[in-house]
Amino acid sequence: MILSTIKNIPGRIIRAWGYSRDGLANAFIREESFRLEVMSLVILTLILLLVPWPIWKKLALTSVFLLIPLTELLNSALEDLCNLVSPDFNPFIKNAKDKGSAAVLLAIIINGLALAALVVT
């Protein structure tokens, strides 16, 4: 049992990588906001390469930048599920989608606060 589980680990990792790649590709193709957030992440990360900050600040800020597309992916998944469950207007579905959008907004606010804190220190 344990040996067969250990033998399956490389296959599981490869399949998981494929699922993640497919999810990122789908989001990039279908979600304009995700594309904008990824492009912003790339630009901000390139700018960070030029800023004379210690590496820990650059890594911390890049990590915080990643929260935005991460939250957008979760929001998009929630919206896809909502659209499947109830294609017609439903106040509960609207609330779920609004909460997902609010989560993205909070990630953006966290990003701004982290940027401000790192610039000041």
C-alpha atoms as a PDB file:
ATOM      1  CA  MET A   1       0.000   0.000   0.000  1.00  0.00           C
ATOM      2  CA  ILE A   2       2.650   2.534   1.033  1.00  0.00           C
ATOM      3  CA  LEU A   3       4.972   1.445  -1.772  1.00  0.00           C
ATOM      4  CA  SER A   4       2.251   1.883  -4.413  1.00  0.00           C
ATOM      5  CA  THR A   5       1.451   5.321  -2.993  1.00  0.00           C
ATOM      6  CA  ILE A   6       5.114   6.320  -3.195  1.00  0.00           C
ATOM      7  CA  LYS A   7       5.313   5.047  -6.795  1.00  0.00           C
ATOM      8  CA  ASN A   8       2.301   7.209  -7.715  1.00  0.00           C
ATOM      9  CA  ILE A   9       3.804  10.454  -6.395  1.00  0.00           C
ATOM     10  CA  PRO A  10       5.571  11.497  -9.643  1.00  0.00           C
ATOM     11  CA  GLY A  11       2.404  10.857 -11.648  1.00  0.00           C
ATOM     12  CA  ARG A  12       0.295  12.810  -9.173  1.00  0.00           C
ATOM     13  CA  ILE A  13       2.711  15.738  -9.298  1.00  0.00           C
ATOM     14  CA  ILE A  14       2.676  15.750 -13.101  1.00  0.00           C
ATOM     15  CA  ARG A  15      -1.140  15.590 -13.224  1.00  0.00           C
ATOM     16  CA  ALA A  16      -1.462  18.347 -10.595  1.00  0.00           C
ATOM     17  CA  TRP A  17       0.950  20.523 -12.577  1.00  0.00           C
ATOM     18  CA  GLY A  18      -1.175  19.962 -15.687  1.00  0.00           C
ATOM     19  CA  TYR A  19      -4.393  20.897 -13.887  1.00  0.00           C
ATOM     20  CA  SER A  20      -2.768  24.077 -12.570  1.00  0.00           C
ATOM     21  CA  ARG A  21      -1.406  24.963 -16.005  1.00  0.00           C
ATOM     22  CA  ASP A  22      -4.853  24.438 -17.531  1.00  0.00           C
ATOM     23  CA  GLY A  23      -6.479  26.632 -14.871  1.00  0.00           C
ATOM     24  CA  LEU A  24      -3.972  29.444 -15.382  1.00  0.00           C
ATOM     25  CA  ALA A  25      -4.313  29.240 -19.170  1.00  0.00           C
ATOM     26  CA  ASN A  26      -8.111  29.257 -18.956  1.00  0.00           C
ATOM     27  CA  ALA A  27      -8.120  32.249 -16.625  1.00  0.00           C
ATOM     28  CA  PHE A  28      -5.649  34.117 -18.811  1.00  0.00           C
ATOM     29  CA  ILE A  29      -7.749  33.476 -21.929  1.00  0.00           C
ATOM     30  CA  ARG A  30     -11.194  34.099 -20.445  1.00  0.00           C
ATOM     31  CA  GLU A  31     -10.680  36.648 -17.662  1.00  0.00           C
ATOM     32  CA  GLU A  32      -9.660  40.168 -18.655  1.00  0.00           C
ATOM     33  CA  SER A  33      -9.166  41.217 -15.038  1.00  0.00           C
ATOM     34  CA  PHE A  34      -6.806  38.274 -14.474  1.00  0.00           C
ATOM     35  CA  ARG A  35      -4.761  39.273 -17.532  1.00  0.00           C
ATOM     36  CA  LEU A  36      -4.512  42.869 -16.265  1.00  0.00           C
ATOM     37  CA  GLU A  37      -3.473  41.707 -12.812  1.00  0.00           C
ATOM     38  CA  VAL A  38      -0.820  39.365 -14.193  1.00  0.00           C
ATOM     39  CA  MET A  39       0.539  42.109 -16.452  1.00  0.00           C
ATOM     40  CA  SER A  40       0.625  44.490 -13.478  1.00  0.00           C
ATOM     41  CA  LEU A  41       2.433  41.840 -11.454  1.00  0.00           C
ATOM     42  CA  VAL A  42       5.055  41.453 -14.180  1.00  0.00           C
ATOM     43  CA  ILE A  43       5.558  45.221 -14.510  1.00  0.00           C
ATOM     44  CA  LEU A  44       5.767  45.794 -10.758  1.00  0.00           C
ATOM     45  CA  THR A  45       8.196  42.901 -10.360  1.00  0.00           C
ATOM     46  CA  LEU A  46      10.399  44.302 -13.127  1.00  0.00           C
ATOM     47  CA  ILE A  47      10.352  47.695 -11.415  1.00  0.00           C
ATOM     48  CA  LEU A  48      11.357  46.008  -8.161  1.00  0.00           C
ATOM     49  CA  LEU A  49      14.478  44.681  -9.885  1.00  0.00           C
ATOM     50  CA  LEU A  50      15.594  48.297 -10.368  1.00  0.00           C
ATOM     51  CA  VAL A  51      14.788  49.530  -6.863  1.00  0.00           C
ATOM     52  CA  PRO A  52      17.791  49.433  -4.509  1.00  0.00           C
ATOM     53  CA  TRP A  53      16.003  47.568  -1.719  1.00  0.00           C
ATOM     54  CA  PRO A  54      17.193  44.541   0.225  1.00  0.00           C
ATOM     55  CA  ILE A  55      16.127  41.206  -1.229  1.00  0.00           C
ATOM     56  CA  TRP A  56      13.733  40.519   1.670  1.00  0.00           C
ATOM     57  CA  LYS A  57      11.684  43.610   0.776  1.00  0.00           C
ATOM     58  CA  LYS A  58      11.536  42.585  -2.871  1.00  0.00           C
ATOM     59  CA  LEU A  59      10.460  39.045  -1.987  1.00  0.00           C
ATOM     60  CA  ALA A  60       7.891  40.275   0.527  1.00  0.00           C
ATOM     61  CA  LEU A  61       6.347  42.688  -1.936  1.00  0.00           C
ATOM     62  CA  THR A  62       6.337  40.149  -4.765  1.00  0.00           C
ATOM     63  CA  SER A  63       4.572  37.706  -2.435  1.00  0.00           C
ATOM     64  CA  VAL A  64       1.941  40.312  -1.624  1.00  0.00           C
ATOM     65  CA  PHE A  65       1.565  41.140  -5.337  1.00  0.00           C
ATOM     66  CA  LEU A  66       0.740  37.457  -5.927  1.00  0.00           C
ATOM     67  CA  LEU A  67      -2.274  37.738  -3.599  1.00  0.00           C
ATOM     68  CA  ILE A  68      -4.205  39.705  -6.218  1.00  0.00           C
ATOM     69  CA  PRO A  69      -4.142  37.181  -9.090  1.00  0.00           C
ATOM     70  CA  LEU A  70      -4.533  34.376  -6.542  1.00  0.00           C
ATOM     71  CA  THR A  71      -7.717  35.960  -5.193  1.00  0.00           C
ATOM     72  CA  GLU A  72      -8.899  36.679  -8.742  1.00  0.00           C
ATOM     73  CA  LEU A  73      -8.497  32.988  -9.624  1.00  0.00           C
ATOM     74  CA  LEU A  74     -10.622  31.989  -6.630  1.00  0.00           C
ATOM     75  CA  ASN A  75     -13.210  34.646  -7.506  1.00  0.00           C
ATOM     76  CA  SER A  76     -13.346  33.451 -11.116  1.00  0.00           C
ATOM     77  CA  ALA A  77     -13.777  29.842 -10.001  1.00  0.00           C
ATOM     78  CA  LEU A  78     -16.613  30.913  -7.697  1.00  0.00           C
ATOM     79  CA  GLU A  79     -18.271  32.861 -10.520  1.00  0.00           C
ATOM     80  CA  ASP A  80     -17.968  29.898 -12.909  1.00  0.00           C
ATOM     81  CA  LEU A  81     -19.616  27.649 -10.337  1.00  0.00           C
ATOM     82  CA  CYS A  82     -22.360  30.194  -9.662  1.00  0.00           C
ATOM     83  CA  ASN A  83     -23.094  30.521 -13.377  1.00  0.00           C
ATOM     84  CA  LEU A  84     -23.345  26.742 -13.680  1.00  0.00           C
ATOM     85  CA  VAL A  85     -25.654  26.373 -10.686  1.00  0.00           C
ATOM     86  CA  SER A  86     -27.907  29.307 -11.514  1.00  0.00           C
ATOM     87  CA  PRO A  87     -27.599  30.943 -14.943  1.00  0.00           C
ATOM     88  CA  ASP A  88     -30.616  33.142 -14.177  1.00  0.00           C
ATOM     89  CA  PHE A  89     -30.551  36.022 -11.703  1.00  0.00           C
ATOM     90  CA  ASN A  90     -30.581  34.878  -8.119  1.00  0.00           C
ATOM     91  CA  PRO A  91     -29.973  37.177  -5.140  1.00  0.00           C
ATOM     92  CA  PHE A  92     -27.905  34.502  -3.355  1.00  0.00           C
ATOM     93  CA  ILE A  93     -25.686  34.058  -6.409  1.00  0.00           C
ATOM     94  CA  LYS A  94     -25.313  37.852  -6.661  1.00  0.00           C
ATOM     95  CA  ASN A  95     -24.238  37.962  -2.998  1.00  0.00           C
ATOM     96  CA  ALA A  96     -21.684  35.188  -3.564  1.00  0.00           C
ATOM     97  CA  LYS A  97     -20.234  36.955  -6.612  1.00  0.00           C
ATOM     98  CA  ASP A  98     -20.143  40.298  -4.784  1.00  0.00           C
ATOM     99  CA  LYS A  99     -18.263  38.696  -1.899  1.00  0.00           C
ATOM    100  CA  GLY A 100     -15.737  37.237  -4.316  1.00  0.00           C
ATOM    101  CA  SER A 101     -15.257  40.667  -5.833  1.00  0.00           C
ATOM    102  CA  ALA A 102     -14.861  42.160  -2.363  1.00  0.00           C
ATOM    103  CA  ALA A 103     -12.125  39.600  -1.643  1.00  0.00           C
ATOM    104  CA  VAL A 104     -10.220  40.829  -4.710  1.00  0.00           C
ATOM    105  CA  LEU A 105     -10.631  44.423  -3.507  1.00  0.00           C
ATOM    106  CA  LEU A 106      -9.250  43.481  -0.086  1.00  0.00           C
ATOM    107  CA  ALA A 107      -6.241  41.826  -1.752  1.00  0.00           C
ATOM    108  CA  ILE A 108      -5.613  45.065  -3.650  1.00  0.00           C
ATOM    109  CA  ILE A 109      -5.878  47.083  -0.412  1.00  0.00           C
ATOM    110  CA  ILE A 110      -3.452  44.695   1.333  1.00  0.00           C
ATOM    111  CA  ASN A 111      -1.096  45.201  -1.608  1.00  0.00           C
ATOM    112  CA  GLY A 112      -1.258  48.972  -1.256  1.00  0.00           C
ATOM    113  CA  LEU A 113      -0.709  48.835   2.495  1.00  0.00           C
ATOM    114  CA  ALA A 114       2.285  46.521   2.114  1.00  0.00           C
ATOM    115  CA  LEU A 115       3.773  48.760  -0.558  1.00  0.00           C
ATOM    116  CA  ALA A 116       3.302  51.814   1.667  1.00  0.00           C
ATOM    117  CA  ALA A 117       4.838  50.046   4.675  1.00  0.00           C
ATOM    118  CA  LEU A 118       7.865  48.885   2.699  1.00  0.00           C
ATOM    119  CA  VAL A 119       8.440  52.293   1.119  1.00  0.00           C
ATOM    120  CA  VAL A 120       8.341  54.021   4.516  1.00  0.00           C
ATOM    121  CA  THR A 121      10.722  51.569   6.229  1.00  0.00           C
END
